[in-house]
Amino acid sequence: MATALWIAHVEVTDAEAYGRYAVLAGPILASFGGNFLARSGRYVQLEGVERARNVVARFPSVEAAVECYHSAAYQAALAHAKGASQRDLVVVEELGE
């Protein structure tokens, strides 16, 4: 089964509330096999809407990433980010080698 990337582009509008989300979300992603590859580091916006926070996490599969997103634990954490950010989130299957 191919691994998958969870890619989020975020503009934080309430740092305190979003910070609560970030603290809670990391361990939840890890419990579904997710690990962060990039989290708010340097970036160069070449096209599209610029969002200052860019996050990439690898999961064992698309299914694991989607299951994580829909889990009760992640949805509870996500409640802190809603209204505290503008986000785009996509899960993309990686190419097999």
PDB file of N, CA and C in Angstrom:
ATOM      1  N   MET A   1       0.847  -1.179   0.000  1.00  0.00           N
ATOM      2  CA  MET A   1       0.000   0.000   0.000  1.00  0.00           C
ATOM      3  C   MET A   1       0.895   1.246   0.000  1.00  0.00           C
ATOM      4  N   ALA A   2       0.550   2.238  -0.804  1.00  0.00           N
ATOM      5  CA  ALA A   2       1.339   3.456  -0.926  1.00  0.00           C
ATOM      6  C   ALA A   2       1.114   4.382   0.261  1.00  0.00           C
ATOM      7  N   THR A   3       2.176   5.065   0.657  1.00  0.00           N
ATOM      8  CA  THR A   3       2.056   6.076   1.702  1.00  0.00           C
ATOM      9  C   THR A   3       1.340   7.304   1.146  1.00  0.00           C
ATOM     10  N   ALA A   4       0.965   8.203   2.045  1.00  0.00           N
ATOM     11  CA  ALA A   4       0.213   9.387   1.636  1.00  0.00           C
ATOM     12  C   ALA A   4       0.741  10.618   2.365  1.00  0.00           C
ATOM     13  N   LEU A   5       0.607  11.754   1.702  1.00  0.00           N
ATOM     14  CA  LEU A   5       0.995  13.029   2.304  1.00  0.00           C
ATOM     15  C   LEU A   5      -0.242  13.840   2.647  1.00  0.00           C
ATOM     16  N   TRP A   6      -0.268  14.371   3.845  1.00  0.00           N
ATOM     17  CA  TRP A   6      -1.304  15.280   4.343  1.00  0.00           C
ATOM     18  C   TRP A   6      -0.668  16.656   4.192  1.00  0.00           C
ATOM     19  N   ILE A   7      -1.220  17.500   3.355  1.00  0.00           N
ATOM     20  CA  ILE A   7      -0.628  18.800   3.049  1.00  0.00           C
ATOM     21  C   ILE A   7      -1.623  19.894   3.430  1.00  0.00           C
ATOM     22  N   ALA A   8      -1.208  20.757   4.340  1.00  0.00           N
ATOM     23  CA  ALA A   8      -2.066  21.845   4.801  1.00  0.00           C
ATOM     24  C   ALA A   8      -1.383  23.180   4.549  1.00  0.00           C
ATOM     25  N   HIS A   9      -2.165  24.130   4.074  1.00  0.00           N
ATOM     26  CA  HIS A   9      -1.721  25.519   3.898  1.00  0.00           C
ATOM     27  C   HIS A   9      -2.629  26.350   4.783  1.00  0.00           C
ATOM     28  N   VAL A  10      -2.032  27.085   5.727  1.00  0.00           N
ATOM     29  CA  VAL A  10      -2.817  27.709   6.787  1.00  0.00           C
ATOM     30  C   VAL A  10      -2.425  29.168   6.976  1.00  0.00           C
ATOM     31  N   GLU A  11      -3.417  30.003   7.155  1.00  0.00           N
ATOM     32  CA  GLU A  11      -3.220  31.381   7.607  1.00  0.00           C
ATOM     33  C   GLU A  11      -3.863  31.468   8.981  1.00  0.00           C
ATOM     34  N   VAL A  12      -3.055  31.658   9.997  1.00  0.00           N
ATOM     35  CA  VAL A  12      -3.542  31.717  11.368  1.00  0.00           C
ATOM     36  C   VAL A  12      -4.069  33.120  11.659  1.00  0.00           C
ATOM     37  N   THR A  13      -5.282  33.195  12.176  1.00  0.00           N
ATOM     38  CA  THR A  13      -5.892  34.482  12.517  1.00  0.00           C
ATOM     39  C   THR A  13      -6.033  34.668  14.025  1.00  0.00           C
ATOM     40  N   ASP A  14      -5.911  33.597  14.791  1.00  0.00           N
ATOM     41  CA  ASP A  14      -5.952  33.654  16.258  1.00  0.00           C
ATOM     42  C   ASP A  14      -4.882  32.693  16.765  1.00  0.00           C
ATOM     43  N   ALA A  15      -3.693  33.241  17.067  1.00  0.00           N
ATOM     44  CA  ALA A  15      -2.542  32.404  17.420  1.00  0.00           C
ATOM     45  C   ALA A  15      -2.781  31.584  18.685  1.00  0.00           C
ATOM     46  N   GLU A  16      -3.467  32.130  19.664  1.00  0.00           N
ATOM     47  CA  GLU A  16      -3.692  31.406  20.919  1.00  0.00           C
ATOM     48  C   GLU A  16      -4.571  30.172  20.684  1.00  0.00           C
ATOM     49  N   ALA A  17      -5.686  30.350  20.013  1.00  0.00           N
ATOM     50  CA  ALA A  17      -6.584  29.225  19.736  1.00  0.00           C
ATOM     51  C   ALA A  17      -5.911  28.212  18.820  1.00  0.00           C
ATOM     52  N   TYR A  18      -5.205  28.684  17.801  1.00  0.00           N
ATOM     53  CA  TYR A  18      -4.549  27.767  16.883  1.00  0.00           C
ATOM     54  C   TYR A  18      -3.439  27.000  17.592  1.00  0.00           C
ATOM     55  N   GLY A  19      -2.788  27.650  18.520  1.00  0.00           N
ATOM     56  CA  GLY A  19      -1.758  26.984  19.308  1.00  0.00           C
ATOM     57  C   GLY A  19      -2.302  25.803  20.086  1.00  0.00           C
ATOM     58  N   ARG A  20      -3.520  25.940  20.628  1.00  0.00           N
ATOM     59  CA  ARG A  20      -4.161  24.818  21.332  1.00  0.00           C
ATOM     60  C   ARG A  20      -4.374  23.656  20.363  1.00  0.00           C
ATOM     61  N   TYR A  21      -4.838  23.969  19.150  1.00  0.00           N
ATOM     62  CA  TYR A  21      -5.013  22.935  18.121  1.00  0.00           C
ATOM     63  C   TYR A  21      -3.686  22.233  17.834  1.00  0.00           C
ATOM     64  N   ALA A  22      -2.634  23.007  17.614  1.00  0.00           N
ATOM     65  CA  ALA A  22      -1.344  22.434  17.223  1.00  0.00           C
ATOM     66  C   ALA A  22      -0.799  21.494  18.294  1.00  0.00           C
ATOM     67  N   VAL A  23      -0.938  21.861  19.561  1.00  0.00           N
ATOM     68  CA  VAL A  23      -0.462  21.015  20.657  1.00  0.00           C
ATOM     69  C   VAL A  23      -1.220  19.687  20.680  1.00  0.00           C
ATOM     70  N   LEU A  24      -2.523  19.743  20.454  1.00  0.00           N
ATOM     71  CA  LEU A  24      -3.346  18.525  20.490  1.00  0.00           C
ATOM     72  C   LEU A  24      -3.178  17.667  19.241  1.00  0.00           C
ATOM     73  N   ALA A  25      -3.044  18.297  18.078  1.00  0.00           N
ATOM     74  CA  ALA A  25      -3.070  17.568  16.804  1.00  0.00           C
ATOM     75  C   ALA A  25      -1.861  16.659  16.603  1.00  0.00           C
ATOM     76  N   GLY A  26      -0.677  17.084  17.003  1.00  0.00           N
ATOM     77  CA  GLY A  26       0.530  16.296  16.761  1.00  0.00           C
ATOM     78  C   GLY A  26       0.445  14.870  17.263  1.00  0.00           C
ATOM     79  N   PRO A  27       0.128  14.661  18.539  1.00  0.00           N
ATOM     80  CA  PRO A  27       0.023  13.292  19.045  1.00  0.00           C
ATOM     81  C   PRO A  27      -1.097  12.482  18.379  1.00  0.00           C
ATOM     82  N   ILE A  28      -2.156  13.154  17.971  1.00  0.00           N
ATOM     83  CA  ILE A  28      -3.250  12.443  17.297  1.00  0.00           C
ATOM     84  C   ILE A  28      -2.775  11.930  15.944  1.00  0.00           C
ATOM     85  N   LEU A  29      -2.095  12.788  15.173  1.00  0.00           N
ATOM     86  CA  LEU A  29      -1.565  12.335  13.890  1.00  0.00           C
ATOM     87  C   LEU A  29      -0.617  11.152  14.099  1.00  0.00           C
ATOM     88  N   ALA A  30       0.243  11.257  15.103  1.00  0.00           N
ATOM     89  CA  ALA A  30       1.200  10.169  15.378  1.00  0.00           C
ATOM     90  C   ALA A  30       0.472   8.867  15.707  1.00  0.00           C
ATOM     91  N   SER A  31      -0.658   8.950  16.392  1.00  0.00           N
ATOM     92  CA  SER A  31      -1.392   7.728  16.756  1.00  0.00           C
ATOM     93  C   SER A  31      -1.974   7.013  15.537  1.00  0.00           C
ATOM     94  N   PHE A  32      -2.072   7.718  14.414  1.00  0.00           N
ATOM     95  CA  PHE A  32      -2.545   7.119  13.162  1.00  0.00           C
ATOM     96  C   PHE A  32      -1.373   6.828  12.217  1.00  0.00           C
ATOM     97  N   GLY A  33      -0.153   6.896  12.742  1.00  0.00           N
ATOM     98  CA  GLY A  33       1.030   6.602  11.941  1.00  0.00           C
ATOM     99  C   GLY A  33       1.584   7.805  11.203  1.00  0.00           C
ATOM    100  N   GLY A  34       1.064   8.993  11.470  1.00  0.00           N
ATOM    101  CA  GLY A  34       1.533  10.197  10.789  1.00  0.00           C
ATOM    102  C   GLY A  34       2.803  10.743  11.416  1.00  0.00           C
ATOM    103  N   ASN A  35       3.690  11.260  10.589  1.00  0.00           N
ATOM    104  CA  ASN A  35       4.881  11.948  11.087  1.00  0.00           C
ATOM    105  C   ASN A  35       5.121  13.194  10.240  1.00  0.00           C
ATOM    106  N   PHE A  36       5.508  14.258  10.900  1.00  0.00           N
ATOM    107  CA  PHE A  36       5.686  15.541  10.220  1.00  0.00           C
ATOM    108  C   PHE A  36       6.974  15.563   9.407  1.00  0.00           C
ATOM    109  N   LEU A  37       6.863  16.031   8.172  1.00  0.00           N
ATOM    110  CA  LEU A  37       8.022  16.230   7.300  1.00  0.00           C
ATOM    111  C   LEU A  37       8.367  17.715   7.228  1.00  0.00           C
ATOM    112  N   ALA A  38       7.353  18.563   7.319  1.00  0.00           N
ATOM    113  CA  ALA A  38       7.543  20.020   7.306  1.00  0.00           C
ATOM    114  C   ALA A  38       6.451  20.631   8.168  1.00  0.00           C
ATOM    115  N   ARG A  39       6.846  21.655   8.915  1.00  0.00           N
ATOM    116  CA  ARG A  39       5.883  22.294   9.802  1.00  0.00           C
ATOM    117  C   ARG A  39       6.309  23.737  10.021  1.00  0.00           C
ATOM    118  N   SER A  40       5.820  24.608   9.146  1.00  0.00           N
ATOM    119  CA  SER A  40       6.017  26.045   9.303  1.00  0.00           C
ATOM    120  C   SER A  40       7.443  26.527   9.072  1.00  0.00           C
ATOM    121  N   GLY A  41       8.222  25.839   8.281  1.00  0.00           N
ATOM    122  CA  GLY A  41       9.582  26.278   7.997  1.00  0.00           C
ATOM    123  C   GLY A  41       9.613  27.303   6.866  1.00  0.00           C
ATOM    124  N   ARG A  42      10.807  27.548   6.388  1.00  0.00           N
ATOM    125  CA  ARG A  42      10.985  28.468   5.254  1.00  0.00           C
ATOM    126  C   ARG A  42      10.219  27.962   4.053  1.00  0.00           C
ATOM    127  N   TYR A  43       9.700  28.873   3.273  1.00  0.00           N
ATOM    128  CA  TYR A  43       8.998  28.503   2.044  1.00  0.00           C
ATOM    129  C   TYR A  43       9.108  29.643   1.046  1.00  0.00           C
ATOM    130  N   VAL A  44       8.864  29.331  -0.210  1.00  0.00           N
ATOM    131  CA  VAL A  44       8.802  30.322  -1.281  1.00  0.00           C
ATOM    132  C   VAL A  44       7.483  30.090  -2.004  1.00  0.00           C
ATOM    133  N   GLN A  45       6.614  31.071  -1.983  1.00  0.00           N
ATOM    134  CA  GLN A  45       5.318  30.962  -2.656  1.00  0.00           C
ATOM    135  C   GLN A  45       5.509  31.288  -4.133  1.00  0.00           C
ATOM    136  N   LEU A  46       5.301  30.333  -4.996  1.00  0.00           N
ATOM    137  CA  LEU A  46       5.494  30.539  -6.428  1.00  0.00           C
ATOM    138  C   LEU A  46       4.178  30.770  -7.164  1.00  0.00           C
ATOM    139  N   GLU A  47       3.101  30.172  -6.695  1.00  0.00           N
ATOM    140  CA  GLU A  47       1.785  30.346  -7.323  1.00  0.00           C
ATOM    141  C   GLU A  47       0.717  30.218  -6.253  1.00  0.00           C
ATOM    142  N   GLY A  48      -0.469  30.695  -6.567  1.00  0.00           N
ATOM    143  CA  GLY A  48      -1.620  30.495  -5.688  1.00  0.00           C
ATOM    144  C   GLY A  48      -1.654  31.426  -4.497  1.00  0.00           C
ATOM    145  N   VAL A  49      -2.531  31.087  -3.567  1.00  0.00           N
ATOM    146  CA  VAL A  49      -2.771  31.896  -2.377  1.00  0.00           C
ATOM    147  C   VAL A  49      -1.670  31.637  -1.355  1.00  0.00           C
ATOM    148  N   GLU A  50      -1.020  32.694  -0.915  1.00  0.00           N
ATOM    149  CA  GLU A  50       0.044  32.543   0.079  1.00  0.00           C
ATOM    150  C   GLU A  50      -0.555  32.374   1.468  1.00  0.00           C
ATOM    151  N   ARG A  51      -0.120  31.351   2.142  1.00  0.00           N
ATOM    152  CA  ARG A  51      -0.487  31.101   3.536  1.00  0.00           C
ATOM    153  C   ARG A  51       0.817  30.826   4.277  1.00  0.00           C
ATOM    154  N   ALA A  52       1.042  31.522   5.366  1.00  0.00           N
ATOM    155  CA  ALA A  52       2.352  31.506   6.034  1.00  0.00           C
ATOM    156  C   ALA A  52       2.697  30.180   6.710  1.00  0.00           C
ATOM    157  N   ARG A  53       1.717  29.370   7.034  1.00  0.00           N
ATOM    158  CA  ARG A  53       1.997  28.092   7.709  1.00  0.00           C
ATOM    159  C   ARG A  53       1.724  26.963   6.725  1.00  0.00           C
ATOM    160  N   ASN A  54       2.741  26.163   6.474  1.00  0.00           N
ATOM    161  CA  ASN A  54       2.632  25.037   5.548  1.00  0.00           C
ATOM    162  C   ASN A  54       3.082  23.785   6.281  1.00  0.00           C
ATOM    163  N   VAL A  55       2.232  22.763   6.254  1.00  0.00           N
ATOM    164  CA  VAL A  55       2.490  21.540   7.020  1.00  0.00           C
ATOM    165  C   VAL A  55       2.381  20.341   6.081  1.00  0.00           C
ATOM    166  N   VAL A  56       3.362  19.452   6.166  1.00  0.00           N
ATOM    167  CA  VAL A  56       3.327  18.203   5.408  1.00  0.00           C
ATOM    168  C   VAL A  56       3.601  17.070   6.384  1.00  0.00           C
ATOM    169  N   ALA A  57       2.706  16.085   6.392  1.00  0.00           N
ATOM    170  CA  ALA A  57       2.889  14.890   7.225  1.00  0.00           C
ATOM    171  C   ALA A  57       2.716  13.663   6.343  1.00  0.00           C
ATOM    172  N   ARG A  58       3.496  12.628   6.635  1.00  0.00           N
ATOM    173  CA  ARG A  58       3.381  11.363   5.895  1.00  0.00           C
ATOM    174  C   ARG A  58       2.601  10.365   6.757  1.00  0.00           C
ATOM    175  N   PHE A  59       1.680   9.663   6.106  1.00  0.00           N
ATOM    176  CA  PHE A  59       0.881   8.613   6.741  1.00  0.00           C
ATOM    177  C   PHE A  59       1.134   7.301   6.014  1.00  0.00           C
ATOM    178  N   PRO A  60       0.841   6.187   6.658  1.00  0.00           N
ATOM    179  CA  PRO A  60       1.037   4.882   6.008  1.00  0.00           C
ATOM    180  C   PRO A  60       0.165   4.691   4.766  1.00  0.00           C
ATOM    181  N   SER A  61      -0.967   5.404   4.697  1.00  0.00           N
ATOM    182  CA  SER A  61      -1.874   5.255   3.557  1.00  0.00           C
ATOM    183  C   SER A  61      -2.841   6.434   3.518  1.00  0.00           C
ATOM    184  N   VAL A  62      -3.511   6.604   2.384  1.00  0.00           N
ATOM    185  CA  VAL A  62      -4.568   7.610   2.277  1.00  0.00           C
ATOM    186  C   VAL A  62      -5.644   7.310   3.323  1.00  0.00           C
ATOM    187  N   GLU A  63      -5.972   6.034   3.461  1.00  0.00           N
ATOM    188  CA  GLU A  63      -7.027   5.648   4.401  1.00  0.00           C
ATOM    189  C   GLU A  63      -6.680   6.041   5.833  1.00  0.00           C
ATOM    190  N   ALA A  64      -5.422   5.848   6.238  1.00  0.00           N
ATOM    191  CA  ALA A  64      -5.008   6.216   7.598  1.00  0.00           C
ATOM    192  C   ALA A  64      -5.126   7.720   7.808  1.00  0.00           C
ATOM    193  N   ALA A  65      -4.731   8.509   6.811  1.00  0.00           N
ATOM    194  CA  ALA A  65      -4.817   9.972   6.922  1.00  0.00           C
ATOM    195  C   ALA A  65      -6.266  10.433   7.027  1.00  0.00           C
ATOM    196  N   VAL A  66      -7.129   9.852   6.208  1.00  0.00           N
ATOM    197  CA  VAL A  66      -8.549  10.229   6.226  1.00  0.00           C
ATOM    198  C   VAL A  66      -9.202   9.768   7.528  1.00  0.00           C
ATOM    199  N   GLU A  67      -8.843   8.575   7.990  1.00  0.00           N
ATOM    200  CA  GLU A  67      -9.375   8.085   9.268  1.00  0.00           C
ATOM    201  C   GLU A  67      -8.950   9.010  10.406  1.00  0.00           C
ATOM    202  N   CYS A  68      -7.711   9.456  10.385  1.00  0.00           N
ATOM    203  CA  CYS A  68      -7.227  10.400  11.385  1.00  0.00           C
ATOM    204  C   CYS A  68      -8.070  11.667  11.373  1.00  0.00           C
ATOM    205  N   TYR A  69      -8.262  12.236  10.192  1.00  0.00           N
ATOM    206  CA  TYR A  69      -9.021  13.482  10.068  1.00  0.00           C
ATOM    207  C   TYR A  69     -10.429  13.339  10.636  1.00  0.00           C
ATOM    208  N   HIS A  70     -11.076  12.238  10.352  1.00  0.00           N
ATOM    209  CA  HIS A  70     -12.463  12.045  10.775  1.00  0.00           C
ATOM    210  C   HIS A  70     -12.601  11.516  12.208  1.00  0.00           C
ATOM    211  N   SER A  71     -11.492  11.200  12.855  1.00  0.00           N
ATOM    212  CA  SER A  71     -11.562  10.658  14.217  1.00  0.00           C
ATOM    213  C   SER A  71     -12.133  11.699  15.183  1.00  0.00           C
ATOM    214  N   ALA A  72     -12.777  11.208  16.223  1.00  0.00           N
ATOM    215  CA  ALA A  72     -13.347  12.105  17.239  1.00  0.00           C
ATOM    216  C   ALA A  72     -12.259  12.953  17.898  1.00  0.00           C
ATOM    217  N   ALA A  73     -11.101  12.358  18.137  1.00  0.00           N
ATOM    218  CA  ALA A  73     -10.011  13.093  18.786  1.00  0.00           C
ATOM    219  C   ALA A  73      -9.527  14.249  17.911  1.00  0.00           C
ATOM    220  N   TYR A  74      -9.322  13.971  16.607  1.00  0.00           N
ATOM    221  CA  TYR A  74      -8.846  15.049  15.730  1.00  0.00           C
ATOM    222  C   TYR A  74      -9.914  16.123  15.559  1.00  0.00           C
ATOM    223  N   GLN A  75     -11.154  15.731  15.418  1.00  0.00           N
ATOM    224  CA  GLN A  75     -12.227  16.717  15.264  1.00  0.00           C
ATOM    225  C   GLN A  75     -12.331  17.617  16.495  1.00  0.00           C
ATOM    226  N   ALA A  76     -12.094  17.052  17.682  1.00  0.00           N
ATOM    227  CA  ALA A  76     -12.097  17.866  18.903  1.00  0.00           C
ATOM    228  C   ALA A  76     -10.946  18.867  18.877  1.00  0.00           C
ATOM    229  N   ALA A  77      -9.773  18.427  18.438  1.00  0.00           N
ATOM    230  CA  ALA A  77      -8.634  19.345  18.318  1.00  0.00           C
ATOM    231  C   ALA A  77      -8.908  20.404  17.253  1.00  0.00           C
ATOM    232  N   LEU A  78      -9.475  19.978  16.133  1.00  0.00           N
ATOM    233  CA  LEU A  78      -9.747  20.874  15.013  1.00  0.00           C
ATOM    234  C   LEU A  78     -10.714  21.990  15.396  1.00  0.00           C
ATOM    235  N   ALA A  79     -11.562  21.745  16.356  1.00  0.00           N
ATOM    236  CA  ALA A  79     -12.507  22.775  16.813  1.00  0.00           C
ATOM    237  C   ALA A  79     -11.777  24.041  17.251  1.00  0.00           C
ATOM    238  N   HIS A  80     -10.541  23.894  17.756  1.00  0.00           N
ATOM    239  CA  HIS A  80      -9.747  25.066  18.159  1.00  0.00           C
ATOM    240  C   HIS A  80      -9.247  25.853  16.948  1.00  0.00           C
ATOM    241  N   ALA A  81      -9.026  25.173  15.833  1.00  0.00           N
ATOM    242  CA  ALA A  81      -8.512  25.831  14.630  1.00  0.00           C
ATOM    243  C   ALA A  81      -9.614  26.519  13.834  1.00  0.00           C
ATOM    244  N   LYS A  82     -10.833  25.997  13.923  1.00  0.00           N
ATOM    245  CA  LYS A  82     -11.946  26.596  13.182  1.00  0.00           C
ATOM    246  C   LYS A  82     -12.229  27.967  13.770  1.00  0.00           C
ATOM    247  N   GLY A  83     -12.298  28.967  12.928  1.00  0.00           N
ATOM    248  CA  GLY A  83     -12.483  30.331  13.388  1.00  0.00           C
ATOM    249  C   GLY A  83     -11.172  30.987  13.794  1.00  0.00           C
ATOM    250  N   ALA A  84     -10.102  30.203  13.884  1.00  0.00           N
ATOM    251  CA  ALA A  84      -8.788  30.726  14.256  1.00  0.00           C
ATOM    252  C   ALA A  84      -7.810  30.660  13.088  1.00  0.00           C
ATOM    253  N   SER A  85      -8.317  30.202  11.928  1.00  0.00           N
ATOM    254  CA  SER A  85      -7.437  30.054  10.774  1.00  0.00           C
ATOM    255  C   SER A  85      -8.262  29.896   9.505  1.00  0.00           C
ATOM    256  N   GLN A  86      -7.580  30.132   8.389  1.00  0.00           N
ATOM    257  CA  GLN A  86      -8.105  29.762   7.077  1.00  0.00           C
ATOM    258  C   GLN A  86      -7.194  28.648   6.594  1.00  0.00           C
ATOM    259  N   ARG A  87      -7.779  27.530   6.192  1.00  0.00           N
ATOM    260  CA  ARG A  87      -6.978  26.343   5.885  1.00  0.00           C
ATOM    261  C   ARG A  87      -7.413  25.686   4.593  1.00  0.00           C
ATOM    262  N   ASP A  88      -6.446  25.130   3.918  1.00  0.00           N
ATOM    263  CA  ASP A  88      -6.680  24.198   2.823  1.00  0.00           C
ATOM    264  C   ASP A  88      -5.953  22.925   3.223  1.00  0.00           C
ATOM    265  N   LEU A  89      -6.609  21.792   3.076  1.00  0.00           N
ATOM    266  CA  LEU A  89      -6.005  20.523   3.462  1.00  0.00           C
ATOM    267  C   LEU A  89      -6.324  19.483   2.399  1.00  0.00           C
ATOM    268  N   VAL A  90      -5.290  18.774   1.970  1.00  0.00           N
ATOM    269  CA  VAL A  90      -5.468  17.726   0.976  1.00  0.00           C
ATOM    270  C   VAL A  90      -4.609  16.530   1.398  1.00  0.00           C
ATOM    271  N   VAL A  91      -5.086  15.334   1.078  1.00  0.00           N
ATOM    272  CA  VAL A  91      -4.306  14.115   1.262  1.00  0.00           C
ATOM    273  C   VAL A  91      -4.007  13.568  -0.119  1.00  0.00           C
ATOM    274  N   VAL A  92      -2.724  13.298  -0.372  1.00  0.00           N
ATOM    275  CA  VAL A  92      -2.281  12.856  -1.695  1.00  0.00           C
ATOM    276  C   VAL A  92      -1.484  11.569  -1.558  1.00  0.00           C
ATOM    277  N   GLU A  93      -1.850  10.561  -2.339  1.00  0.00           N
ATOM    278  CA  GLU A  93      -1.092   9.305  -2.311  1.00  0.00           C
ATOM    279  C   GLU A  93       0.267   9.528  -2.966  1.00  0.00           C
ATOM    280  N   GLU A  94       1.310   9.001  -2.323  1.00  0.00           N
ATOM    281  CA  GLU A  94       2.658   9.110  -2.884  1.00  0.00           C
ATOM    282  C   GLU A  94       2.844   8.070  -3.986  1.00  0.00           C
ATOM    283  N   LEU A  95       3.738   8.366  -4.891  1.00  0.00           N
ATOM    284  CA  LEU A  95       4.065   7.428  -5.953  1.00  0.00           C
ATOM    285  C   LEU A  95       4.818   6.245  -5.375  1.00  0.00           C
ATOM    286  N   GLY A  96       4.459   5.061  -5.795  1.00  0.00           N
ATOM    287  CA  GLY A  96       5.197   3.870  -5.394  1.00  0.00           C
ATOM    288  C   GLY A  96       6.512   3.814  -6.154  1.00  0.00           C
ATOM    289  N   GLU A  97       7.487   3.172  -5.552  1.00  0.00           N
ATOM    290  CA  GLU A  97       8.790   3.101  -6.226  1.00  0.00           C
ATOM    291  C   GLU A  97       9.022   1.764  -6.847  1.00  0.00           C
TER     292      GLU A  97
END
